[in-house]
Protein backbone atom coordinates (compact mmCIF):
# COMPACT_ATOMS: atom_id res chain seq x y z
CA MET A 1 -8.34 83.73 9.51
CA THR A 2 -6.46 85.80 7.17
CA ASN A 3 -6.88 85.82 3.15
CA HIS A 4 -3.49 83.72 3.03
CA ASP A 5 -4.92 80.91 5.10
CA GLU A 6 -8.11 81.09 2.88
CA TYR A 7 -6.23 80.64 -0.07
CA LEU A 8 -4.02 77.58 1.46
CA LYS A 9 -7.25 75.98 2.32
CA GLU A 10 -8.87 76.56 -1.06
CA ILE A 11 -5.58 75.10 -2.73
CA GLY A 12 -5.40 72.00 -0.43
CA ALA A 13 -9.36 71.62 -1.28
CA VAL A 14 -8.60 71.52 -5.11
CA ILE A 15 -5.50 69.05 -4.55
CA LYS A 16 -7.67 66.77 -2.25
CA ARG A 17 -10.48 66.66 -5.12
CA LEU A 18 -8.15 66.22 -8.06
CA ARG A 19 -6.30 63.44 -6.04
CA ALA A 20 -9.48 61.71 -5.29
CA GLU A 21 -10.77 61.83 -8.77
CA LYS A 22 -7.64 59.94 -9.93
CA GLY A 23 -8.03 57.33 -7.20
CA TRP A 24 -4.55 58.19 -5.73
CA ASN A 25 -3.75 58.11 -1.94
CA GLN A 26 -1.37 60.62 -0.53
CA ASP A 27 1.64 58.39 -1.05
CA THR A 28 0.90 57.82 -4.72
CA LEU A 29 0.81 61.73 -5.31
CA ALA A 30 3.87 62.43 -3.31
CA ARG A 31 5.87 59.81 -5.56
CA GLU A 32 4.14 61.45 -8.67
CA ALA A 33 4.94 64.96 -7.59
CA ALA A 34 8.67 63.92 -7.18
CA MET A 35 8.63 62.85 -10.69
CA HIS A 36 7.41 66.43 -11.77
CA GLY A 37 10.34 68.27 -10.19
CA ALA A 38 9.55 68.18 -6.29
CA PRO A 39 12.40 67.70 -4.22
CA VAL A 40 11.65 64.74 -1.65
CA ILE A 41 8.01 64.93 -0.70
CA HIS A 42 6.57 62.84 1.95
CA ARG A 43 2.80 61.99 2.63
CA GLN A 44 2.41 63.90 5.43
CA GLU A 45 3.35 67.15 3.31
CA VAL A 46 0.57 66.16 0.84
CA SER A 47 -1.79 65.67 3.85
CA GLN A 48 -0.69 69.33 5.01
CA MET A 49 -1.46 70.87 1.76
CA GLU A 50 -4.79 69.39 1.86
CA ASN A 51 -5.70 70.63 5.07
CA GLY A 52 -4.15 74.27 4.38
CA GLN A 53 -1.41 73.83 6.83
CA PHE A 54 1.65 73.48 4.51
CA LYS A 55 4.42 76.04 5.34
CA GLY A 56 6.92 74.38 2.91
CA SER A 57 8.37 75.27 -0.58
CA ILE A 58 6.04 76.49 -3.10
CA ARG A 59 7.97 74.19 -5.62
CA LYS A 60 6.40 71.23 -3.94
CA VAL A 61 3.09 72.74 -4.28
CA GLN A 62 3.61 73.31 -7.83
CA ALA A 63 5.16 69.91 -8.46
CA VAL A 64 2.00 68.53 -6.71
CA LEU A 65 -0.39 70.31 -9.00
CA ARG A 66 1.77 69.32 -12.03
CA ALA A 67 1.51 65.78 -11.04
CA LEU A 68 -2.22 66.26 -11.21
CA ARG A 69 -2.30 68.15 -14.52
CA TYR A 70 -3.08 71.49 -12.93
CA THR A 71 -0.70 74.70 -12.51
CA LEU A 72 -0.72 77.38 -9.81
CA THR A 73 -1.07 80.81 -11.19
CA ALA A 74 -0.97 84.00 -9.30
CA SER A 75 -1.64 87.83 -10.24
CA VAL A 76 -0.26 90.77 -8.98
CA ALA A 77 -2.06 94.00 -9.26
CA ARG A 78 -1.37 97.38 -8.00
CA ILE A 79 -3.76 99.52 -5.93
CA PRO A 80 -5.10 102.60 -8.09
CA GLN A 81 -4.05 106.10 -6.67
CA LEU A 82 -7.07 108.22 -5.52
CA ASP A 83 -6.71 110.63 -8.38
CA GLU A 84 -6.91 107.66 -10.90
CA LEU A 85 -10.12 106.66 -9.17
CA ASP A 86 -11.68 110.16 -9.47
CA ALA A 87 -10.95 109.60 -13.21
CA LEU A 88 -13.04 106.72 -13.22
CA PHE A 89 -15.89 107.91 -11.22
CA GLN A 90 -16.50 111.45 -12.39
CA ASP A 91 -20.14 112.47 -12.58
CA GLU A 92 -21.66 113.23 -15.86
CA ASP A 93 -23.82 116.04 -15.68
C-alpha cells in the first residue's frame, strides 16, 4: 500500500465518520455536496470516497468535505539538501 492509498483511506474514514455524526446517508451527502460546488455527484462516488477507492476529481472531495463543514488542506515541503542538514546537526565540541 502506498502513502497515497493510506491518505485516501484516512480521508475516507473522516468523511464516513462525519457523515454518520450528522445522521446522513450517502445520498443526502451527495445532494449536500452538489450545493457546495460539486458537479453532479452520485452516492456511489461518496461510497468510493469513504472506502478510499475514489479516483475522480479533487473538486468533488472538496465539495463533500465543505458539505460536512470541513476543508481539505495540503502542504508541500522541500527536501533539505545534504549541506543544509550538516549545518543543522553540527557537533558542538
